[in-house]
Amino acid sequence: LLSADANIDPQVLNIVQCHKEQYDGSGYPRGL
């Protein structure tokens, strides 16, 4: 939804995409 808006800062998208990742790799969506 946010990436469809050209005015959204790419760094904002990066935070949103990774905010549920966890330090030990048990988070989601990519297991970082």
PDB file of all heavy atoms in Angstrom:
ATOM      1  N   LEU A   1       0.824  -1.212   0.000  1.00  0.00           N
ATOM      2  CA  LEU A   1       0.000   0.000   0.000  1.00  0.00           C
ATOM      3  C   LEU A   1       0.858   1.262   0.000  1.00  0.00           C
ATOM      4  O   LEU A   1       0.596   2.212  -0.748  1.00  0.00           O
ATOM      5  CB  LEU A   1      -0.922  -0.004   1.228  1.00  0.00           C
ATOM      6  CG  LEU A   1      -2.103  -0.966   1.201  1.00  0.00           C
ATOM      7  CD1 LEU A   1      -2.712  -1.077   2.586  1.00  0.00           C
ATOM      8  CD2 LEU A   1      -3.143  -0.491   0.196  1.00  0.00           C
ATOM      9  N   LEU A   2       1.873   1.278   0.850  1.00  0.00           N
ATOM     10  CA  LEU A   2       2.701   2.478   0.977  1.00  0.00           C
ATOM     11  C   LEU A   2       3.613   2.679  -0.236  1.00  0.00           C
ATOM     12  O   LEU A   2       3.865   3.815  -0.644  1.00  0.00           O
ATOM     13  CB  LEU A   2       3.539   2.395   2.259  1.00  0.00           C
ATOM     14  CG  LEU A   2       2.740   2.380   3.570  1.00  0.00           C
ATOM     15  CD1 LEU A   2       3.677   2.163   4.756  1.00  0.00           C
ATOM     16  CD2 LEU A   2       1.961   3.679   3.757  1.00  0.00           C
ATOM     17  N   SER A   3       4.106   1.599  -0.802  1.00  0.00           N
ATOM     18  CA  SER A   3       5.024   1.731  -1.939  1.00  0.00           C
ATOM     19  C   SER A   3       4.313   2.236  -3.187  1.00  0.00           C
ATOM     20  O   SER A   3       4.958   2.704  -4.127  1.00  0.00           O
ATOM     21  CB  SER A   3       5.710   0.392  -2.228  1.00  0.00           C
ATOM     22  OG  SER A   3       4.760  -0.599  -2.554  1.00  0.00           O
ATOM     23  N   ALA A   4       2.974   2.149  -3.200  1.00  0.00           N
ATOM     24  CA  ALA A   4       2.219   2.673  -4.337  1.00  0.00           C
ATOM     25  C   ALA A   4       2.243   4.193  -4.375  1.00  0.00           C
ATOM     26  O   ALA A   4       1.882   4.797  -5.390  1.00  0.00           O
ATOM     27  CB  ALA A   4       0.777   2.176  -4.275  1.00  0.00           C
ATOM     28  N   ASP A   5       2.656   4.818  -3.265  1.00  0.00           N
ATOM     29  CA  ASP A   5       2.730   6.277  -3.188  1.00  0.00           C
ATOM     30  C   ASP A   5       4.172   6.707  -3.436  1.00  0.00           C
ATOM     31  O   ASP A   5       5.071   6.394  -2.646  1.00  0.00           O
ATOM     32  CB  ASP A   5       2.275   6.749  -1.801  1.00  0.00           C
ATOM     33  CG  ASP A   5       2.096   8.255  -1.726  1.00  0.00           C
ATOM     34  OD1 ASP A   5       2.848   8.981  -2.398  1.00  0.00           O
ATOM     35  OD2 ASP A   5       1.211   8.706  -0.972  1.00  0.00           O
ATOM     36  N   ALA A   6       4.402   7.431  -4.501  1.00  0.00           N
ATOM     37  CA  ALA A   6       5.758   7.846  -4.873  1.00  0.00           C
ATOM     38  C   ALA A   6       6.375   8.804  -3.864  1.00  0.00           C
ATOM     39  O   ALA A   6       7.599   9.003  -3.851  1.00  0.00           O
ATOM     40  CB  ALA A   6       5.735   8.497  -6.257  1.00  0.00           C
ATOM     41  N   ASN A   7       5.549   9.407  -3.006  1.00  0.00           N
ATOM     42  CA  ASN A   7       6.059  10.374  -2.035  1.00  0.00           C
ATOM     43  C   ASN A   7       6.554   9.728  -0.743  1.00  0.00           C
ATOM     44  O   ASN A   7       7.089  10.421   0.121  1.00  0.00           O
ATOM     45  CB  ASN A   7       4.976  11.402  -1.697  1.00  0.00           C
ATOM     46  CG  ASN A   7       4.591  12.245  -2.897  1.00  0.00           C
ATOM     47  OD1 ASN A   7       5.462  12.720  -3.623  1.00  0.00           O
ATOM     48  ND2 ASN A   7       3.294  12.408  -3.119  1.00  0.00           N
ATOM     49  N   ILE A   8       6.360   8.421  -0.570  1.00  0.00           N
ATOM     50  CA  ILE A   8       6.808   7.739   0.642  1.00  0.00           C
ATOM     51  C   ILE A   8       8.313   7.509   0.559  1.00  0.00           C
ATOM     52  O   ILE A   8       8.826   6.964  -0.416  1.00  0.00           O
ATOM     53  CB  ILE A   8       6.079   6.397   0.828  1.00  0.00           C
ATOM     54  CG1 ILE A   8       4.607   6.631   1.187  1.00  0.00           C
ATOM     55  CG2 ILE A   8       6.735   5.559   1.919  1.00  0.00           C
ATOM     56  CD1 ILE A   8       4.370   7.183   2.571  1.00  0.00           C
ATOM     57  N   ASP A   9       9.020   7.928   1.593  1.00  0.00           N
ATOM     58  CA  ASP A   9      10.467   7.759   1.684  1.00  0.00           C
ATOM     59  C   ASP A   9      10.822   6.265   1.662  1.00  0.00           C
ATOM     60  O   ASP A   9      10.246   5.478   2.413  1.00  0.00           O
ATOM     61  CB  ASP A   9      10.942   8.400   2.999  1.00  0.00           C
ATOM     62  CG  ASP A   9      12.445   8.488   3.116  1.00  0.00           C
ATOM     63  OD1 ASP A   9      13.132   7.562   2.658  1.00  0.00           O
ATOM     64  OD2 ASP A   9      12.936   9.481   3.692  1.00  0.00           O
ATOM     65  N   PRO A  10      11.771   5.842   0.825  1.00  0.00           N
ATOM     66  CA  PRO A  10      12.175   4.426   0.807  1.00  0.00           C
ATOM     67  C   PRO A  10      12.618   3.903   2.173  1.00  0.00           C
ATOM     68  O   PRO A  10      12.422   2.721   2.480  1.00  0.00           O
ATOM     69  CB  PRO A  10      13.338   4.405  -0.195  1.00  0.00           C
ATOM     70  CG  PRO A  10      13.085   5.571  -1.098  1.00  0.00           C
ATOM     71  CD  PRO A  10      12.474   6.616  -0.212  1.00  0.00           C
ATOM     72  N   GLN A  11      13.217   4.776   2.986  1.00  0.00           N
ATOM     73  CA  GLN A  11      13.632   4.358   4.327  1.00  0.00           C
ATOM     74  C   GLN A  11      12.422   4.014   5.180  1.00  0.00           C
ATOM     75  O   GLN A  11      12.462   3.087   6.003  1.00  0.00           O
ATOM     76  CB  GLN A  11      14.449   5.466   5.000  1.00  0.00           C
ATOM     77  CG  GLN A  11      14.908   5.164   6.410  1.00  0.00           C
ATOM     78  CD  GLN A  11      15.999   4.126   6.477  1.00  0.00           C
ATOM     79  OE1 GLN A  11      15.905   3.064   5.862  1.00  0.00           O
ATOM     80  NE2 GLN A  11      17.043   4.418   7.236  1.00  0.00           N
ATOM     81  N   VAL A  12      11.319   4.737   4.998  1.00  0.00           N
ATOM     82  CA  VAL A  12      10.076   4.427   5.713  1.00  0.00           C
ATOM     83  C   VAL A  12       9.592   3.027   5.328  1.00  0.00           C
ATOM     84  O   VAL A  12       9.210   2.223   6.190  1.00  0.00           O
ATOM     85  CB  VAL A  12       8.993   5.484   5.409  1.00  0.00           C
ATOM     86  CG1 VAL A  12       7.633   5.040   5.938  1.00  0.00           C
ATOM     87  CG2 VAL A  12       9.382   6.830   6.027  1.00  0.00           C
ATOM     88  N   LEU A  13       9.629   2.723   4.039  1.00  0.00           N
ATOM     89  CA  LEU A  13       9.219   1.390   3.582  1.00  0.00           C
ATOM     90  C   LEU A  13      10.106   0.311   4.190  1.00  0.00           C
ATOM     91  O   LEU A  13       9.617  -0.760   4.582  1.00  0.00           O
ATOM     92  CB  LEU A  13       9.307   1.323   2.058  1.00  0.00           C
ATOM     93  CG  LEU A  13       8.290   2.144   1.266  1.00  0.00           C
ATOM     94  CD1 LEU A  13       8.588   2.054  -0.222  1.00  0.00           C
ATOM     95  CD2 LEU A  13       6.872   1.685   1.552  1.00  0.00           C
ATOM     96  N   ASN A  14      11.407   0.585   4.277  1.00  0.00           N
ATOM     97  CA  ASN A  14      12.348  -0.385   4.833  1.00  0.00           C
ATOM     98  C   ASN A  14      12.038  -0.683   6.297  1.00  0.00           C
ATOM     99  O   ASN A  14      12.092  -1.824   6.749  1.00  0.00           O
ATOM    100  CB  ASN A  14      13.770   0.163   4.696  1.00  0.00           C
ATOM    101  CG  ASN A  14      14.815  -0.927   4.696  1.00  0.00           C
ATOM    102  OD1 ASN A  14      14.523  -2.089   4.419  1.00  0.00           O
ATOM    103  ND2 ASN A  14      16.036  -0.562   5.018  1.00  0.00           N
ATOM    104  N   ILE A  15      11.702   0.369   7.063  1.00  0.00           N
ATOM    105  CA  ILE A  15      11.354   0.184   8.480  1.00  0.00           C
ATOM    106  C   ILE A  15      10.084  -0.643   8.610  1.00  0.00           C
ATOM    107  O   ILE A  15      10.007  -1.585   9.407  1.00  0.00           O
ATOM    108  CB  ILE A  15      11.179   1.551   9.171  1.00  0.00           C
ATOM    109  CG1 ILE A  15      12.484   2.349   9.134  1.00  0.00           C
ATOM    110  CG2 ILE A  15      10.723   1.362  10.627  1.00  0.00           C
ATOM    111  CD1 ILE A  15      12.320   3.801   9.539  1.00  0.00           C
ATOM    112  N   VAL A  16       9.071  -0.284   7.820  1.00  0.00           N
ATOM    113  CA  VAL A  16       7.790  -1.003   7.882  1.00  0.00           C
ATOM    114  C   VAL A  16       8.002  -2.479   7.536  1.00  0.00           C
ATOM    115  O   VAL A  16       7.466  -3.368   8.205  1.00  0.00           O
ATOM    116  CB  VAL A  16       6.767  -0.357   6.925  1.00  0.00           C
ATOM    117  CG1 VAL A  16       5.503  -1.210   6.839  1.00  0.00           C
ATOM    118  CG2 VAL A  16       6.418   1.051   7.399  1.00  0.00           C
ATOM    119  N   GLN A  17       8.785  -2.756   6.501  1.00  0.00           N
ATOM    120  CA  GLN A  17       8.991  -4.130   6.057  1.00  0.00           C
ATOM    121  C   GLN A  17       9.713  -4.981   7.091  1.00  0.00           C
ATOM    122  O   GLN A  17       9.489  -6.184   7.175  1.00  0.00           O
ATOM    123  CB  GLN A  17       9.781  -4.136   4.746  1.00  0.00           C
ATOM    124  CG  GLN A  17       9.911  -5.516   4.121  1.00  0.00           C
ATOM    125  CD  GLN A  17      10.526  -5.449   2.750  1.00  0.00           C
ATOM    126  OE1 GLN A  17      11.539  -4.790   2.547  1.00  0.00           O
ATOM    127  NE2 GLN A  17       9.904  -6.129   1.783  1.00  0.00           N
ATOM    128  N   CYS A  18      10.573  -4.341   7.907  1.00  0.00           N
ATOM    129  CA  CYS A  18      11.437  -5.114   8.817  1.00  0.00           C
ATOM    130  C   CYS A  18      11.065  -5.008  10.289  1.00  0.00           C
ATOM    131  O   CYS A  18      11.749  -5.593  11.135  1.00  0.00           O
ATOM    132  CB  CYS A  18      12.892  -4.676   8.640  1.00  0.00           C
ATOM    133  SG  CYS A  18      13.550  -4.937   6.981  1.00  0.00           S
ATOM    134  N   HIS A  19      10.000  -4.290  10.632  1.00  0.00           N
ATOM    135  CA  HIS A  19       9.762  -4.007  12.050  1.00  0.00           C
ATOM    136  C   HIS A  19       9.313  -5.240  12.844  1.00  0.00           C
ATOM    137  O   HIS A  19       9.370  -5.237  14.076  1.00  0.00           O
ATOM    138  CB  HIS A  19       8.751  -2.860  12.212  1.00  0.00           C
ATOM    139  CG  HIS A  19       7.319  -3.259  12.098  1.00  0.00           C
ATOM    140  ND1 HIS A  19       6.679  -3.430  10.878  1.00  0.00           N
ATOM    141  CD2 HIS A  19       6.376  -3.533  13.043  1.00  0.00           C
ATOM    142  CE1 HIS A  19       5.429  -3.771  11.073  1.00  0.00           C
ATOM    143  NE2 HIS A  19       5.210  -3.852  12.384  1.00  0.00           N
ATOM    144  N   LYS A  20       8.876  -6.302  12.166  1.00  0.00           N
ATOM    145  CA  LYS A  20       8.490  -7.524  12.884  1.00  0.00           C
ATOM    146  C   LYS A  20       9.582  -8.599  12.843  1.00  0.00           C
ATOM    147  O   LYS A  20       9.384  -9.711  13.341  1.00  0.00           O
ATOM    148  CB  LYS A  20       7.188  -8.102  12.301  1.00  0.00           C
ATOM    149  CG  LYS A  20       5.975  -7.198  12.492  1.00  0.00           C
ATOM    150  CD  LYS A  20       5.678  -6.902  13.954  1.00  0.00           C
ATOM    151  CE  LYS A  20       5.075  -8.079  14.669  1.00  0.00           C
ATOM    152  NZ  LYS A  20       4.654  -7.735  16.056  1.00  0.00           N
ATOM    153  N   GLU A  21      10.735  -8.275  12.245  1.00  0.00           N
ATOM    154  CA  GLU A  21      11.872  -9.183  12.313  1.00  0.00           C
ATOM    155  C   GLU A  21      12.407  -9.180  13.745  1.00  0.00           C
ATOM    156  O   GLU A  21      12.240  -8.197  14.468  1.00  0.00           O
ATOM    157  CB  GLU A  21      12.976  -8.736  11.340  1.00  0.00           C
ATOM    158  CG  GLU A  21      12.545  -8.618   9.892  1.00  0.00           C
ATOM    159  CD  GLU A  21      12.320  -9.967   9.220  1.00  0.00           C
ATOM    160  OE1 GLU A  21      12.562 -11.006   9.863  1.00  0.00           O
ATOM    161  OE2 GLU A  21      11.885  -9.971   8.051  1.00  0.00           O
ATOM    162  N   GLN A  22      13.056 -10.268  14.149  1.00  0.00           N
ATOM    163  CA  GLN A  22      13.567 -10.355  15.513  1.00  0.00           C
ATOM    164  C   GLN A  22      15.055 -10.669  15.509  1.00  0.00           C
ATOM    165  O   GLN A  22      15.585 -11.300  14.586  1.00  0.00           O
ATOM    166  CB  GLN A  22      12.787 -11.393  16.313  1.00  0.00           C
ATOM    167  CG  GLN A  22      11.313 -11.017  16.437  1.00  0.00           C
ATOM    168  CD  GLN A  22      10.617 -11.660  17.608  1.00  0.00           C
ATOM    169  OE1 GLN A  22      11.103 -12.613  18.202  1.00  0.00           O
ATOM    170  NE2 GLN A  22       9.462 -11.117  17.970  1.00  0.00           N
ATOM    171  N   TYR A  23      15.695 -10.231  16.570  1.00  0.00           N
ATOM    172  CA  TYR A  23      17.154 -10.251  16.657  1.00  0.00           C
ATOM    173  C   TYR A  23      17.738 -11.647  16.431  1.00  0.00           C
ATOM    174  O   TYR A  23      18.803 -11.797  15.846  1.00  0.00           O
ATOM    175  CB  TYR A  23      17.567  -9.718  18.031  1.00  0.00           C
ATOM    176  CG  TYR A  23      19.033  -9.434  18.188  1.00  0.00           C
ATOM    177  CD1 TYR A  23      19.623  -8.341  17.550  1.00  0.00           C
ATOM    178  CD2 TYR A  23      19.830 -10.235  18.999  1.00  0.00           C
ATOM    179  CE1 TYR A  23      20.969  -8.056  17.705  1.00  0.00           C
ATOM    180  CE2 TYR A  23      21.175  -9.962  19.160  1.00  0.00           C
ATOM    181  CZ  TYR A  23      21.743  -8.875  18.512  1.00  0.00           C
ATOM    182  OH  TYR A  23      23.074  -8.596  18.669  1.00  0.00           O
ATOM    183  N   ASP A  24      17.040 -12.692  16.892  1.00  0.00           N
ATOM    184  CA  ASP A  24      17.558 -14.060  16.770  1.00  0.00           C
ATOM    185  C   ASP A  24      17.104 -14.746  15.488  1.00  0.00           C
ATOM    186  O   ASP A  24      17.332 -15.954  15.303  1.00  0.00           O
ATOM    187  CB  ASP A  24      17.160 -14.898  17.985  1.00  0.00           C
ATOM    188  CG  ASP A  24      15.634 -15.001  18.161  1.00  0.00           C
ATOM    189  OD1 ASP A  24      14.894 -14.461  17.309  1.00  0.00           O
ATOM    190  OD2 ASP A  24      15.199 -15.607  19.151  1.00  0.00           O
ATOM    191  N   GLY A  25      16.446 -14.008  14.597  1.00  0.00           N
ATOM    192  CA  GLY A  25      16.025 -14.579  13.321  1.00  0.00           C
ATOM    193  C   GLY A  25      14.660 -15.238  13.344  1.00  0.00           C
ATOM    194  O   GLY A  25      14.236 -15.816  12.336  1.00  0.00           O
ATOM    195  N   SER A  26      13.930 -15.140  14.463  1.00  0.00           N
ATOM    196  CA  SER A  26      12.641 -15.824  14.587  1.00  0.00           C
ATOM    197  C   SER A  26      11.459 -14.974  14.132  1.00  0.00           C
ATOM    198  O   SER A  26      10.316 -15.396  14.236  1.00  0.00           O
ATOM    199  CB  SER A  26      12.417 -16.253  16.046  1.00  0.00           C
ATOM    200  OG  SER A  26      12.345 -15.106  16.895  1.00  0.00           O
ATOM    201  N   GLY A  27      11.736 -13.771  13.625  1.00  0.00           N
ATOM    202  CA  GLY A  27      10.649 -12.887  13.214  1.00  0.00           C
ATOM    203  C   GLY A  27      10.191 -13.153  11.790  1.00  0.00           C
ATOM    204  O   GLY A  27      10.511 -14.175  11.177  1.00  0.00           O
ATOM    205  N   TYR A  28       9.430 -12.207  11.246  1.00  0.00           N
ATOM    206  CA  TYR A  28       8.885 -12.350   9.896  1.00  0.00           C
ATOM    207  C   TYR A  28       8.837 -10.978   9.238  1.00  0.00           C
ATOM    208  O   TYR A  28       8.984  -9.964   9.933  1.00  0.00           O
ATOM    209  CB  TYR A  28       7.484 -12.989   9.955  1.00  0.00           C
ATOM    210  CG  TYR A  28       6.447 -12.227  10.758  1.00  0.00           C
ATOM    211  CD1 TYR A  28       5.627 -11.254  10.183  1.00  0.00           C
ATOM    212  CD2 TYR A  28       6.278 -12.485  12.120  1.00  0.00           C
ATOM    213  CE1 TYR A  28       4.677 -10.567  10.926  1.00  0.00           C
ATOM    214  CE2 TYR A  28       5.328 -11.802  12.873  1.00  0.00           C
ATOM    215  CZ  TYR A  28       4.535 -10.849  12.270  1.00  0.00           C
ATOM    216  OH  TYR A  28       3.596 -10.174  13.005  1.00  0.00           O
ATOM    217  N   PRO A  29       8.747 -10.877   7.913  1.00  0.00           N
ATOM    218  CA  PRO A  29       8.441 -11.939   6.947  1.00  0.00           C
ATOM    219  C   PRO A  29       9.664 -12.665   6.382  1.00  0.00           C
ATOM    220  O   PRO A  29       9.503 -13.715   5.745  1.00  0.00           O
ATOM    221  CB  PRO A  29       7.724 -11.170   5.831  1.00  0.00           C
ATOM    222  CG  PRO A  29       8.320  -9.801   5.871  1.00  0.00           C
ATOM    223  CD  PRO A  29       8.599  -9.522   7.322  1.00  0.00           C
ATOM    224  N   ARG A  30      10.898 -12.162   6.604  1.00  0.00           N
ATOM    225  CA  ARG A  30      12.053 -12.769   5.921  1.00  0.00           C
ATOM    226  C   ARG A  30      13.012 -13.501   6.853  1.00  0.00           C
ATOM    227  O   ARG A  30      13.996 -14.072   6.398  1.00  0.00           O
ATOM    228  CB  ARG A  30      12.814 -11.684   5.158  1.00  0.00           C
ATOM    229  CG  ARG A  30      12.050 -11.114   3.966  1.00  0.00           C
ATOM    230  CD  ARG A  30      12.877 -10.120   3.184  1.00  0.00           C
ATOM    231  NE  ARG A  30      13.046  -8.870   3.927  1.00  0.00           N
ATOM    232  CZ  ARG A  30      13.905  -7.907   3.569  1.00  0.00           C
ATOM    233  NH1 ARG A  30      14.679  -8.081   2.525  1.00  0.00           N
ATOM    234  NH2 ARG A  30      13.977  -6.802   4.274  1.00  0.00           N
ATOM    235  N   GLY A  31      12.764 -13.485   8.157  1.00  0.00           N
ATOM    236  CA  GLY A  31      13.644 -14.182   9.083  1.00  0.00           C
ATOM    237  C   GLY A  31      15.020 -13.544   9.197  1.00  0.00           C
ATOM    238  O   GLY A  31      16.019 -14.242   9.417  1.00  0.00           O
ATOM    239  N   LEU A  32      15.095 -12.215   9.102  1.00  0.00           N
ATOM    240  CA  LEU A  32      16.374 -11.515   9.250  1.00  0.00           C
ATOM    241  C   LEU A  32      16.834 -11.601  10.696  1.00  0.00           C
ATOM    242  O   LEU A  32      16.035 -11.771  11.613  1.00  0.00           O
ATOM    243  CB  LEU A  32      16.231 -10.051   8.827  1.00  0.00           C
ATOM    244  CG  LEU A  32      15.747  -9.781   7.394  1.00  0.00           C
ATOM    245  CD1 LEU A  32      15.659  -8.285   7.146  1.00  0.00           C
ATOM    246  CD2 LEU A  32      16.654 -10.449   6.375  1.00  0.00           C
TER     247      LEU A  32
END
